[in-house]
Amino acid sequence: MNFHFSSPGMLGLLLVLPVLFVLMRRGAVLRGAAMRHFGVSDHPKRLWKTVTSSAAVLCVVVALARPTIGSGESKHVANAGDVVFLLDVSRSMLSNDVRPSRLDRAKQLISELAGQLEAEDRVALVAFAGTQAMECPLTFDAPFFQDVLKNAGPESVARGGTRIGDAIRFAMDSVLDDVRRDRKQFVILTDGGDQQAQSESAAADTSERGIRLSVIGVGGSELTVVPTSMSDRTPVAYHGEPVRTKLESAALRKLAGAAHGQYWDSNEGQLLLGQIGQLQRTGEATELSLVFVAIALALLGIEAFGWTPGRQHAAVVSVITSLILNTPLSADESVAELTAKGTSAFQAWRYSEAIVPFEKAARLSHDKPEAVYNFAVALYAAGHFEEALQAFRKAAGSAPKRSILEAKCRMGIGDALYMESIKGVHSSNSDAPHLGAFWQSKSLAPDASEYMLLSALDEYKEALRIQPAVADAAYNIRVVERRLKAIQKASSQSKKEEHAKQDALSMIRASKTSGGIQQTAKQQPVDKDW
């Protein structure tokens, strides 16, 4: 069990305690002398009152430092949160010292690792070489992610080479969002050959931002030639000599170490797959502030025993209680307290628990669309997409026109519509806190799904019009357009099949009517449902 303070800086107030004690004793001595001057004896409990008052102040200071106690042991949790895979698609990854090739092996690993994630985890894919490209933004849509992964290759980026540092910074700035602040990790799959000296600095930045970094080395330890392309296995030549490459595991270990992360070799097989995709998490901690508050109040009560506290004493107790217990002194502080409570639950991944305080804060803040937006984000994270949709719309209606908040609300509306279009019919009977339990397996009808996607497309375009720099709007538009094309293509094929079925049925019926199908005297024609 570990005992520590969440706000250790407040312990500096303990330096005032000796001074306070000396002043209180000095005052007691002067008071006693004055009373004896008039022939009145001093109160016999005066020293006891000084000690209890000092002890109460000590407890108040300790409570302000937010002491916590909990298990320091680490444990694995299955939920990986937001996982961003950074895939090296440089031409060296086309080498086949790992079968069928380094790139194919890396894609196979990503597919297997993504398949281990839980329903409430999000996954993204960044392809990199000399430049970077976000192939798939953070999404719950596992089938879509797998489709994008299959098509990733050297043509995904505009320039060859290997610039891992730029890829890391690109992922931090352009892929991550603020939805899951405490559960983020990058998984880099590469053969090394980094062309940047500052990549370790970029890796260290991930640690400072609370992002866990894992590096997977793909390739063999022996030199092998680099082919021209996936179809042309002619070696790439430099100054008339074929370019050769090997897995630079030492440099990759150093890169992972700069972020206090871990390195694996792709040949570790099941051992790798049993560890990657999980986060280390310390045991739960319990805050003891209330315990010290209770002790302080008890000491004040003991001090007051035998005498009637005045208004000043009652005011001090009230203020101390308000400071430590965060008792709201006004409506604004009440909203702030509820928002802090909701944020704390949200950051601890307890999204369903965060909904209640955010909803109360929204009700108390009719003129603050930010509170309604927070409520909508919590609903969305908990899987209540239909309710989140309504809350995002309400926040958008009261947000300042052409503001960042309005653009975020439009993005939220689009995201909720998109999730509803792919998740199916809402299951109102379930109260489980994970996405899978909120949705039945049956999908929406194609026309309903298409309508939702078209509506989401309009919202993304509106967000982009309001704030051209809003994150992910342009990419989300491309994602929705791609899915719409797939739905329309499937719908067109379905209509063709239905027409062919109806034509065949009409021909058979016509043949029966004209006597084309011979029947015996005892047989009755039966109309089959084709």
Protein backbone atom coordinates (compact mmCIF):
# COMPACT_ATOMS: atom_id res chain seq x y z
CA MET A 1 0.00 0.00 0.00
CA ASN A 2 1.34 3.43 -0.99
CA PHE A 3 0.54 6.72 0.76
CA HIS A 4 1.05 9.89 -1.27
CA PHE A 5 -0.35 13.38 -1.82
CA SER A 6 -2.08 14.56 -4.98
CA SER A 7 -1.25 18.21 -4.14
CA PRO A 8 2.02 18.01 -2.21
CA GLY A 9 2.66 21.73 -2.65
CA MET A 10 0.00 22.48 -0.05
CA LEU A 11 2.19 20.85 2.59
CA GLY A 12 4.29 23.99 2.51
CA LEU A 13 1.63 25.55 4.72
CA LEU A 14 2.91 23.35 7.55
CA LEU A 15 5.79 25.83 7.92
CA VAL A 16 3.27 28.28 9.35
CA LEU A 17 2.14 25.84 12.04
CA PRO A 18 5.06 26.36 14.48
CA VAL A 19 4.70 30.12 14.16
CA LEU A 20 0.96 29.85 14.76
CA PHE A 21 1.53 27.68 17.83
CA VAL A 22 4.04 30.13 19.29
CA LEU A 23 1.71 33.08 18.69
CA MET A 24 -1.21 31.22 20.30
CA ARG A 25 0.87 30.35 23.35
CA ARG A 26 2.19 33.89 23.58
CA GLY A 27 -1.37 35.20 23.47
CA ALA A 28 -2.41 32.73 26.17
CA VAL A 29 0.45 33.85 28.42
CA LEU A 30 -0.41 37.53 27.98
CA ARG A 31 -4.07 36.77 28.58
CA GLY A 32 -3.23 34.90 31.79
CA ALA A 33 -1.05 37.74 33.03
CA ALA A 34 -3.78 40.29 32.36
CA MET A 35 -6.39 38.18 34.15
CA ARG A 36 -4.15 37.68 37.17
CA HIS A 37 -3.60 41.44 37.27
CA PHE A 38 -7.32 41.80 37.94
CA GLY A 39 -7.31 38.91 40.39
CA VAL A 40 -8.93 36.39 38.05
CA SER A 41 -7.34 33.00 37.48
CA ASP A 42 -6.74 31.81 33.92
CA HIS A 43 -8.78 29.01 32.41
CA PRO A 44 -7.11 25.66 33.24
CA LYS A 45 -7.77 24.23 29.75
CA ARG A 46 -6.06 27.04 27.87
CA LEU A 47 -3.02 24.88 26.86
CA TRP A 48 -5.29 22.02 25.80
CA LYS A 49 -7.27 24.37 23.55
CA THR A 50 -4.03 25.57 21.93
CA VAL A 51 -2.92 22.02 21.21
CA THR A 52 -6.28 20.95 19.75
CA SER A 53 -6.49 24.09 17.60
CA SER A 54 -3.01 23.46 16.22
CA ALA A 55 -3.84 19.82 15.54
CA ALA A 56 -7.02 20.88 13.73
CA VAL A 57 -5.02 23.26 11.53
CA LEU A 58 -2.55 20.44 10.82
CA CYS A 59 -5.39 18.18 9.66
CA VAL A 60 -6.77 20.96 7.45
CA VAL A 61 -3.39 21.40 5.74
CA VAL A 62 -3.02 17.65 5.21
CA ALA A 63 -6.53 17.47 3.76
CA LEU A 64 -5.73 20.31 1.36
CA ALA A 65 -2.76 18.25 0.11
CA ARG A 66 -5.25 15.53 -0.97
CA PRO A 67 -3.71 12.43 0.64
CA THR A 68 -4.43 9.12 -1.09
CA ILE A 69 -3.72 5.52 -0.22
CA GLY A 70 -3.81 2.55 -2.57
CA SER A 71 -2.00 -0.41 -4.00
CA GLY A 72 1.16 0.40 -5.90
CA GLU A 73 1.16 -2.92 -7.71
CA SER A 74 0.66 -2.82 -11.46
CA LYS A 75 -1.81 -4.95 -13.30
CA HIS A 76 -2.79 -5.50 -16.91
CA VAL A 77 -6.11 -4.22 -18.13
CA ALA A 78 -7.66 -5.46 -21.32
CA ASN A 79 -8.88 -2.07 -22.43
CA ALA A 80 -6.25 -0.36 -24.53
CA GLY A 81 -8.24 2.83 -25.10
CA ASP A 82 -7.10 4.75 -28.18
CA VAL A 83 -4.47 2.81 -30.15
CA VAL A 84 -2.72 4.47 -33.09
CA PHE A 85 -0.73 2.13 -35.32
CA LEU A 86 2.13 3.83 -37.19
CA LEU A 87 3.03 1.65 -40.18
CA ASP A 88 6.30 2.10 -42.05
CA VAL A 89 5.50 1.83 -45.78
CA SER A 90 8.94 2.73 -47.13
CA ARG A 91 10.35 0.53 -49.91
CA SER A 92 12.67 -1.26 -47.50
CA MET A 93 9.54 -2.76 -45.96
CA LEU A 94 8.98 -4.61 -49.26
CA SER A 95 12.01 -6.82 -48.57
CA ASN A 96 11.08 -10.47 -48.16
CA ASP A 97 13.58 -11.60 -45.55
CA VAL A 98 10.39 -11.96 -43.50
CA ARG A 99 7.74 -13.89 -45.42
CA PRO A 100 5.81 -12.90 -47.40
CA SER A 101 7.40 -9.44 -46.90
CA ARG A 102 8.15 -7.08 -44.06
CA LEU A 103 5.15 -4.92 -44.96
CA ASP A 104 2.77 -7.85 -45.16
CA ARG A 105 4.07 -9.21 -41.86
CA ALA A 106 3.56 -5.81 -40.21
CA LYS A 107 0.01 -5.56 -41.58
CA GLN A 108 -0.71 -9.08 -40.35
CA LEU A 109 0.45 -8.11 -36.85
CA ILE A 110 -1.66 -4.95 -36.86
CA SER A 111 -4.71 -6.94 -37.95
CA GLU A 112 -4.20 -9.47 -35.16
CA LEU A 113 -3.53 -6.83 -32.52
CA ALA A 114 -6.54 -4.76 -33.54
CA GLY A 115 -8.63 -7.91 -33.27
CA GLN A 116 -7.63 -8.23 -29.61
CA LEU A 117 -9.07 -4.84 -28.66
CA GLU A 118 -12.37 -4.44 -26.85
CA ALA A 119 -15.54 -2.97 -28.34
CA GLU A 120 -15.02 0.33 -26.49
CA ASP A 121 -11.45 0.77 -27.77
CA ARG A 122 -10.73 2.97 -30.76
CA VAL A 123 -8.07 2.33 -33.37
CA ALA A 124 -6.35 4.47 -36.00
CA LEU A 125 -3.76 3.92 -38.74
CA VAL A 126 -0.99 6.27 -39.90
CA ALA A 127 1.19 5.29 -42.87
CA PHE A 128 4.62 6.92 -42.98
CA ALA A 129 7.84 6.98 -44.90
CA GLY A 130 9.36 10.33 -45.90
CA THR A 131 5.92 11.87 -45.32
CA GLN A 132 2.86 10.77 -43.38
CA ALA A 133 -0.80 10.07 -44.15
CA MET A 134 -3.71 9.35 -41.83
CA GLU A 135 -5.19 6.27 -43.45
CA CYS A 136 -7.86 5.78 -40.78
CA PRO A 137 -8.83 8.19 -37.97
CA LEU A 138 -9.71 6.95 -34.50
CA THR A 139 -12.75 4.75 -34.96
CA PHE A 140 -14.83 1.99 -33.39
CA ASP A 141 -15.50 0.60 -36.87
CA ALA A 142 -13.22 -2.46 -36.90
CA PRO A 143 -14.26 -3.74 -40.37
CA PHE A 144 -13.54 -0.35 -41.91
CA PHE A 145 -10.13 -0.25 -40.22
CA GLN A 146 -9.29 -3.70 -41.57
CA ASP A 147 -10.30 -2.66 -45.10
CA VAL A 148 -8.08 0.42 -44.95
CA LEU A 149 -5.19 -1.64 -43.55
CA LYS A 150 -5.32 -4.06 -46.50
CA ASN A 151 -4.81 -1.21 -48.99
CA ALA A 152 -1.96 0.53 -47.15
CA GLY A 153 1.36 0.51 -49.01
CA PRO A 154 4.17 2.65 -50.42
CA GLU A 155 1.66 4.52 -52.59
CA SER A 156 -0.07 5.78 -49.42
CA VAL A 157 2.57 8.49 -48.95
CA ALA A 158 4.07 11.05 -51.29
CA ARG A 159 7.76 10.54 -50.55
CA GLY A 160 9.99 7.62 -49.63
CA GLY A 161 12.45 7.36 -46.79
CA THR A 162 11.94 6.75 -43.08
CA ARG A 163 11.20 9.69 -40.77
CA ILE A 164 9.85 8.20 -37.55
CA GLY A 165 10.02 11.44 -35.57
CA ASP A 166 7.79 13.27 -38.03
CA ALA A 167 5.33 10.37 -37.94
CA ILE A 168 5.13 10.49 -34.14
CA ARG A 169 4.53 14.25 -34.09
CA PHE A 170 1.96 13.94 -36.87
CA ALA A 171 0.06 11.33 -34.84
CA MET A 172 0.14 13.50 -31.70
CA ASP A 173 -1.06 16.63 -33.50
CA SER A 174 -3.47 15.27 -36.11
CA VAL A 175 -4.81 11.90 -34.96
CA LEU A 176 -5.40 12.11 -31.21
CA ASP A 177 -8.37 13.98 -29.77
CA ASP A 178 -9.55 14.91 -26.27
CA VAL A 179 -12.09 12.17 -25.82
CA ARG A 180 -9.92 9.65 -23.91
CA ARG A 181 -7.16 11.59 -22.23
CA ASP A 182 -5.77 8.84 -20.00
CA ARG A 183 -5.70 5.91 -22.41
CA LYS A 184 -3.60 6.55 -25.47
CA GLN A 185 -0.80 4.58 -27.03
CA PHE A 186 1.22 4.46 -30.22
CA VAL A 187 2.41 1.20 -31.76
CA ILE A 188 5.14 1.70 -34.38
CA LEU A 189 5.92 -1.09 -36.84
CA THR A 190 9.14 -0.46 -38.80
CA ASP A 191 12.46 -1.96 -39.83
CA GLY A 192 14.39 1.12 -38.66
CA GLY A 193 16.68 3.06 -40.97
CA ASP A 194 15.52 6.34 -39.47
CA GLN A 195 16.76 9.43 -41.30
CA GLN A 196 16.14 11.83 -38.41
CA ALA A 197 18.34 12.60 -35.43
CA GLN A 198 15.48 14.09 -33.39
CA SER A 199 13.21 11.04 -33.41
CA GLU A 200 14.14 10.18 -29.83
CA SER A 201 13.07 13.68 -28.80
CA ALA A 202 9.68 13.12 -30.43
CA ALA A 203 9.41 9.77 -28.65
CA ALA A 204 10.18 11.45 -25.31
CA ASP A 205 7.35 13.92 -25.97
CA THR A 206 4.88 11.05 -26.05
CA SER A 207 5.85 10.09 -22.51
CA GLU A 208 5.40 13.66 -21.31
CA ARG A 209 1.91 13.72 -22.82
CA GLY A 210 0.91 10.45 -21.21
CA ILE A 211 1.06 8.42 -24.42
CA ARG A 212 2.48 4.94 -24.15
CA LEU A 213 4.88 4.04 -26.98
CA SER A 214 5.53 0.51 -28.21
CA VAL A 215 7.92 -0.31 -31.06
CA ILE A 216 7.80 -3.51 -33.10
CA GLY A 217 10.83 -4.31 -35.25
CA VAL A 218 9.97 -6.08 -38.51
CA GLY A 219 12.73 -7.73 -40.53
CA GLY A 220 15.74 -10.00 -40.34
CA SER A 221 19.17 -9.45 -38.87
CA GLU A 222 20.97 -10.18 -42.15
CA LEU A 223 21.37 -7.72 -45.02
CA THR A 224 18.86 -8.10 -47.85
CA VAL A 225 18.17 -6.14 -51.02
CA VAL A 226 15.42 -3.52 -51.33
CA PRO A 227 13.07 -4.22 -54.27
CA THR A 228 11.77 -1.53 -56.58
CA SER A 229 8.08 -2.20 -55.87
CA MET A 230 5.70 -4.88 -54.72
CA SER A 231 5.39 -6.25 -58.25
CA ASP A 232 8.90 -5.48 -59.51
CA ARG A 233 11.49 -7.29 -57.41
CA THR A 234 14.42 -5.63 -59.21
CA PRO A 235 16.80 -4.32 -56.51
CA VAL A 236 16.98 -0.58 -56.01
CA ALA A 237 20.44 0.64 -57.06
CA TYR A 238 22.47 3.50 -55.59
CA HIS A 239 25.71 4.45 -57.39
CA GLY A 240 25.42 1.25 -59.36
CA GLU A 241 25.19 -0.97 -56.27
CA PRO A 242 22.01 -2.63 -54.94
CA VAL A 243 20.66 -1.07 -51.77
CA ARG A 244 20.68 -3.48 -48.84
CA THR A 245 18.90 -3.23 -45.52
CA LYS A 246 18.45 -5.10 -42.25
CA LEU A 247 16.42 -4.70 -39.08
CA GLU A 248 18.05 -2.02 -36.90
CA SER A 249 16.82 -3.40 -33.58
CA ALA A 250 19.39 -1.56 -31.44
CA ALA A 251 18.27 1.86 -32.70
CA LEU A 252 14.61 0.90 -32.25
CA ARG A 253 15.22 -0.24 -28.67
CA LYS A 254 16.84 3.11 -27.99
CA LEU A 255 13.83 4.86 -29.54
CA ALA A 256 11.42 2.96 -27.31
CA GLY A 257 13.60 3.63 -24.28
CA ALA A 258 13.46 7.38 -24.90
CA ALA A 259 9.69 7.19 -24.30
CA HIS A 260 9.98 4.70 -21.41
CA GLY A 261 8.20 2.29 -23.74
CA GLN A 262 8.87 -1.26 -24.86
CA TYR A 263 10.39 -2.93 -27.91
CA TRP A 264 9.44 -6.25 -29.43
CA ASP A 265 10.76 -8.24 -32.35
CA SER A 266 8.09 -9.37 -34.81
CA ASN A 267 9.44 -12.91 -34.55
CA GLU A 268 8.36 -13.15 -30.91
CA GLY A 269 4.99 -14.41 -32.13
CA GLN A 270 2.42 -15.20 -29.50
CA LEU A 271 4.49 -13.69 -26.71
CA LEU A 272 4.21 -10.37 -28.50
CA LEU A 273 0.50 -10.73 -29.14
CA GLY A 274 -0.10 -11.57 -25.51
CA GLN A 275 1.45 -8.32 -24.30
CA ILE A 276 0.93 -5.61 -26.86
CA GLY A 277 -2.37 -3.73 -26.82
CA GLN A 278 -2.54 -3.76 -23.01
CA LEU A 279 -1.76 -0.92 -20.64
CA GLN A 280 -0.07 -1.03 -17.28
CA ARG A 281 -2.29 0.48 -14.65
CA THR A 282 -1.67 0.96 -10.96
CA GLY A 283 -4.16 -0.21 -8.39
CA GLU A 284 -7.03 1.99 -7.35
CA ALA A 285 -6.25 4.75 -4.84
CA THR A 286 -8.57 6.07 -2.15
CA GLU A 287 -8.51 9.74 -1.20
CA LEU A 288 -8.35 10.43 2.53
CA SER A 289 -9.19 14.14 2.55
CA LEU A 290 -12.58 13.53 4.14
CA VAL A 291 -10.97 11.54 6.95
CA PHE A 292 -8.70 14.43 7.88
CA VAL A 293 -11.58 16.87 7.57
CA ALA A 294 -13.59 14.78 10.01
CA ILE A 295 -10.64 14.70 12.44
CA ALA A 296 -10.22 18.49 12.19
CA LEU A 297 -13.90 19.11 12.89
CA ALA A 298 -13.82 16.67 15.79
CA LEU A 299 -10.84 18.49 17.30
CA LEU A 300 -12.62 21.82 16.92
CA GLY A 301 -15.61 20.32 18.66
CA ILE A 302 -13.43 19.09 21.53
CA GLU A 303 -11.87 22.52 21.80
CA ALA A 304 -15.30 24.11 21.95
CA PHE A 305 -16.49 21.74 24.68
CA GLY A 306 -17.50 23.71 27.73
CA TRP A 307 -17.78 27.05 25.98
CA THR A 308 -20.22 28.56 23.47
CA PRO A 309 -18.65 29.23 20.10
CA GLY A 310 -19.25 32.64 18.69
CA ARG A 311 -20.14 33.61 15.18
CA GLN A 312 -16.50 33.90 14.21
CA HIS A 313 -15.83 30.29 15.21
CA ALA A 314 -18.87 29.06 13.27
CA ALA A 315 -17.75 31.02 10.21
CA VAL A 316 -14.27 29.46 10.36
CA VAL A 317 -15.76 25.97 10.52
CA SER A 318 -18.06 26.75 7.58
CA VAL A 319 -15.24 28.08 5.43
CA ILE A 320 -12.98 25.11 6.23
CA THR A 321 -15.78 22.69 5.38
CA SER A 322 -16.43 24.52 2.10
CA LEU A 323 -12.77 24.47 1.11
CA ILE A 324 -12.14 20.81 1.84
CA LEU A 325 -15.47 19.27 0.87
CA ASN A 326 -15.89 21.66 -2.08
CA THR A 327 -19.30 22.65 -0.71
CA PRO A 328 -20.78 25.09 -3.27
CA LEU A 329 -21.11 28.64 -1.98
CA SER A 330 -22.95 29.82 -5.09
CA ALA A 331 -24.66 28.52 -8.20
CA ASP A 332 -21.52 29.10 -10.28
CA GLU A 333 -19.39 27.08 -7.86
CA SER A 334 -21.98 24.33 -7.95
CA VAL A 335 -21.62 24.10 -11.73
CA ALA A 336 -17.85 24.13 -11.40
CA GLU A 337 -17.98 21.32 -8.84
CA LEU A 338 -20.26 19.20 -11.02
CA THR A 339 -18.06 19.80 -14.05
CA ALA A 340 -14.96 18.80 -12.10
CA LYS A 341 -16.69 15.67 -10.85
CA GLY A 342 -17.79 14.73 -14.35
CA THR A 343 -14.35 15.41 -15.78
CA SER A 344 -12.73 13.26 -13.09
CA ALA A 345 -15.03 10.33 -13.89
CA PHE A 346 -14.54 10.84 -17.63
CA GLN A 347 -10.76 10.82 -17.35
CA ALA A 348 -11.00 7.61 -15.30
CA TRP A 349 -12.94 6.06 -18.23
CA ARG A 350 -16.16 5.84 -16.19
CA TYR A 351 -18.23 7.43 -18.94
CA SER A 352 -21.63 6.33 -17.64
CA GLU A 353 -20.76 7.80 -14.25
CA ALA A 354 -19.68 11.09 -15.86
CA ILE A 355 -23.09 11.53 -17.51
CA VAL A 356 -24.95 12.39 -14.28
CA PRO A 357 -22.84 15.36 -13.07
CA PHE A 358 -22.50 16.70 -16.61
CA GLU A 359 -26.28 16.54 -17.03
CA LYS A 360 -26.85 18.39 -13.73
CA ALA A 361 -24.30 21.03 -14.73
CA ALA A 362 -26.06 21.46 -18.07
CA ARG A 363 -29.42 21.98 -16.32
CA LEU A 364 -27.92 24.63 -14.04
CA SER A 365 -26.22 26.36 -17.00
CA HIS A 366 -28.95 27.04 -19.51
CA ASP A 367 -26.91 29.91 -20.96
CA LYS A 368 -23.66 27.91 -21.22
CA PRO A 369 -23.52 25.64 -24.27
CA GLU A 370 -20.14 24.33 -23.07
CA ALA A 371 -21.90 22.43 -20.27
CA VAL A 372 -24.37 20.88 -22.72
CA TYR A 373 -21.47 19.96 -25.01
CA ASN A 374 -19.68 18.17 -22.14
CA PHE A 375 -22.89 16.26 -21.45
CA ALA A 376 -23.12 15.27 -25.10
CA VAL A 377 -19.50 14.06 -25.21
CA ALA A 378 -20.09 11.87 -22.13
CA LEU A 379 -23.20 10.38 -23.72
CA TYR A 380 -21.30 9.66 -26.91
CA ALA A 381 -18.38 8.04 -25.09
CA ALA A 382 -20.80 5.82 -23.14
CA GLY A 383 -22.43 4.64 -26.35
CA HIS A 384 -25.72 6.57 -26.06
CA PHE A 385 -25.47 7.92 -29.60
CA GLU A 386 -29.11 8.87 -30.03
CA GLU A 387 -29.15 10.91 -26.80
CA ALA A 388 -25.75 12.39 -27.67
CA LEU A 389 -27.13 13.47 -31.03
CA GLN A 390 -29.90 15.48 -29.36
CA ALA A 391 -27.49 17.05 -26.85
CA PHE A 392 -24.99 18.01 -29.56
CA ARG A 393 -27.82 19.66 -31.52
CA LYS A 394 -28.96 21.59 -28.46
CA ALA A 395 -25.42 22.80 -27.76
CA ALA A 396 -24.96 23.80 -31.42
CA GLY A 397 -28.17 25.85 -31.29
CA SER A 398 -26.93 28.00 -28.39
CA ALA A 399 -23.22 28.13 -29.26
CA PRO A 400 -21.80 31.41 -30.58
CA LYS A 401 -22.12 31.54 -34.35
CA ARG A 402 -19.04 30.53 -36.34
CA SER A 403 -17.18 29.64 -33.14
CA ILE A 404 -14.91 26.69 -32.44
CA LEU A 405 -17.59 25.34 -30.10
CA GLU A 406 -20.22 25.38 -32.83
CA ALA A 407 -17.82 23.55 -35.17
CA LYS A 408 -17.14 20.92 -32.47
CA CYS A 409 -20.87 20.48 -31.93
CA ARG A 410 -21.36 19.96 -35.67
CA MET A 411 -18.58 17.39 -35.61
CA GLY A 412 -20.29 15.68 -32.66
CA ILE A 413 -23.58 15.56 -34.54
CA GLY A 414 -21.83 14.01 -37.52
CA ASP A 415 -20.02 11.47 -35.37
CA ALA A 416 -23.23 10.43 -33.60
CA LEU A 417 -25.07 10.05 -36.91
CA TYR A 418 -22.18 8.04 -38.32
CA MET A 419 -22.14 5.69 -35.32
CA GLU A 420 -25.89 5.18 -35.51
CA SER A 421 -25.61 4.37 -39.21
CA ILE A 422 -23.16 1.53 -38.58
CA LYS A 423 -24.20 0.21 -35.17
CA GLY A 424 -27.81 -0.69 -35.87
CA VAL A 425 -30.91 -0.50 -33.72
CA HIS A 426 -30.61 0.93 -30.23
CA SER A 427 -31.24 -1.53 -27.41
CA SER A 428 -33.03 0.49 -24.78
CA ASN A 429 -33.23 -2.43 -22.36
CA SER A 430 -29.49 -2.61 -21.75
CA ASP A 431 -27.66 -0.54 -19.17
CA ALA A 432 -24.21 -2.08 -19.63
CA PRO A 433 -21.37 0.47 -19.78
CA HIS A 434 -19.79 -0.74 -23.03
CA LEU A 435 -20.70 -0.08 -26.62
CA GLY A 436 -21.51 -3.62 -27.62
CA ALA A 437 -24.30 -3.89 -25.06
CA PHE A 438 -26.09 -0.81 -26.35
CA TRP A 439 -26.64 -2.10 -29.84
CA GLN A 440 -28.35 -5.13 -31.25
CA SER A 441 -26.66 -7.11 -33.98
CA LYS A 442 -29.35 -6.27 -36.52
CA SER A 443 -28.30 -3.45 -38.86
CA LEU A 444 -30.34 -0.55 -40.07
CA ALA A 445 -32.05 -0.74 -43.42
CA PRO A 446 -29.76 0.51 -46.23
CA ASP A 447 -31.94 3.54 -46.95
CA ALA A 448 -31.98 4.59 -43.25
CA SER A 449 -28.22 4.13 -42.98
CA GLU A 450 -27.68 6.12 -46.17
CA TYR A 451 -29.90 8.94 -44.89
CA MET A 452 -27.91 9.15 -41.64
CA LEU A 453 -24.63 9.20 -43.53
CA LEU A 454 -25.88 11.97 -45.81
CA SER A 455 -26.91 13.97 -42.74
CA ALA A 456 -23.51 13.34 -41.14
CA LEU A 457 -21.86 14.51 -44.35
CA ASP A 458 -23.79 17.80 -44.19
CA GLU A 459 -22.72 18.34 -40.58
CA TYR A 460 -19.04 17.70 -41.34
CA LYS A 461 -19.18 20.13 -44.26
CA GLU A 462 -20.85 22.75 -42.06
CA ALA A 463 -18.15 22.29 -39.40
CA LEU A 464 -15.49 22.74 -42.07
CA ARG A 465 -17.23 25.86 -43.38
CA ILE A 466 -17.45 27.37 -39.89
CA GLN A 467 -13.85 26.59 -38.96
CA PRO A 468 -11.65 25.45 -41.89
CA ALA A 469 -8.97 24.30 -39.43
CA VAL A 470 -11.24 22.04 -37.38
CA ALA A 471 -9.54 18.69 -36.80
CA ASP A 472 -10.60 15.66 -38.86
CA ALA A 473 -13.54 17.33 -40.64
CA ALA A 474 -12.07 16.98 -44.12
CA TYR A 475 -10.98 13.42 -43.52
CA ASN A 476 -14.35 12.45 -42.02
CA ILE A 477 -16.01 13.77 -45.16
CA ARG A 478 -13.91 11.41 -47.27
CA VAL A 479 -14.68 8.50 -44.96
CA VAL A 480 -18.43 9.10 -45.16
CA GLU A 481 -18.33 9.57 -48.93
CA ARG A 482 -16.45 6.28 -49.25
CA ARG A 483 -19.03 4.47 -47.12
CA LEU A 484 -21.89 6.05 -49.07
CA LYS A 485 -20.42 4.77 -52.32
CA ALA A 486 -20.16 1.29 -50.85
CA ILE A 487 -23.80 1.37 -49.69
CA GLN A 488 -25.02 2.72 -53.02
CA LYS A 489 -23.03 0.09 -54.89
CA ALA A 490 -24.48 -2.68 -52.73
CA SER A 491 -27.97 -1.24 -53.13
CA SER A 492 -27.58 -1.12 -56.92
CA GLN A 493 -26.40 -4.73 -57.00
CA SER A 494 -29.33 -5.77 -54.79
CA LYS A 495 -31.79 -4.06 -57.13
CA LYS A 496 -30.28 -5.82 -60.14
CA GLU A 497 -30.64 -9.18 -58.43
CA GLU A 498 -34.25 -8.39 -57.49
CA HIS A 499 -35.06 -7.40 -61.07
CA ALA A 500 -33.47 -10.62 -62.36
CA LYS A 501 -35.52 -12.62 -59.86
CA GLN A 502 -38.75 -10.92 -60.90
CA ASP A 503 -37.96 -11.46 -64.60
CA ALA A 504 -37.31 -15.16 -64.01
CA LEU A 505 -40.53 -15.50 -62.02
CA SER A 506 -42.51 -13.73 -64.76
CA MET A 507 -41.08 -16.03 -67.43
CA ILE A 508 -41.99 -19.14 -65.44
CA ARG A 509 -45.53 -17.91 -64.83
CA ALA A 510 -45.91 -17.06 -68.49
CA SER A 511 -44.69 -20.52 -69.42
CA LYS A 512 -47.24 -22.13 -67.10
CA THR A 513 -50.03 -20.10 -68.61
CA SER A 514 -49.14 -21.08 -72.19
CA GLY A 515 -48.76 -24.77 -71.34
CA GLY A 516 -45.02 -24.76 -71.68
CA ILE A 517 -44.65 -26.78 -68.50
CA GLN A 518 -46.34 -30.18 -68.89
CA GLN A 519 -48.51 -31.37 -66.00
CA THR A 520 -50.04 -34.84 -65.48
CA ALA A 521 -53.72 -35.14 -64.89
CA LYS A 522 -53.25 -35.68 -61.14
CA GLN A 523 -50.70 -32.94 -60.59
CA GLN A 524 -51.65 -29.42 -59.61
CA PRO A 525 -49.38 -26.52 -60.63
CA VAL A 526 -47.51 -25.09 -57.66
CA ASP A 527 -46.25 -21.49 -57.75
CA LYS A 528 -42.79 -21.42 -56.15
CA ASP A 529 -41.34 -18.42 -54.37
CA TRP A 530 -38.08 -17.78 -56.23
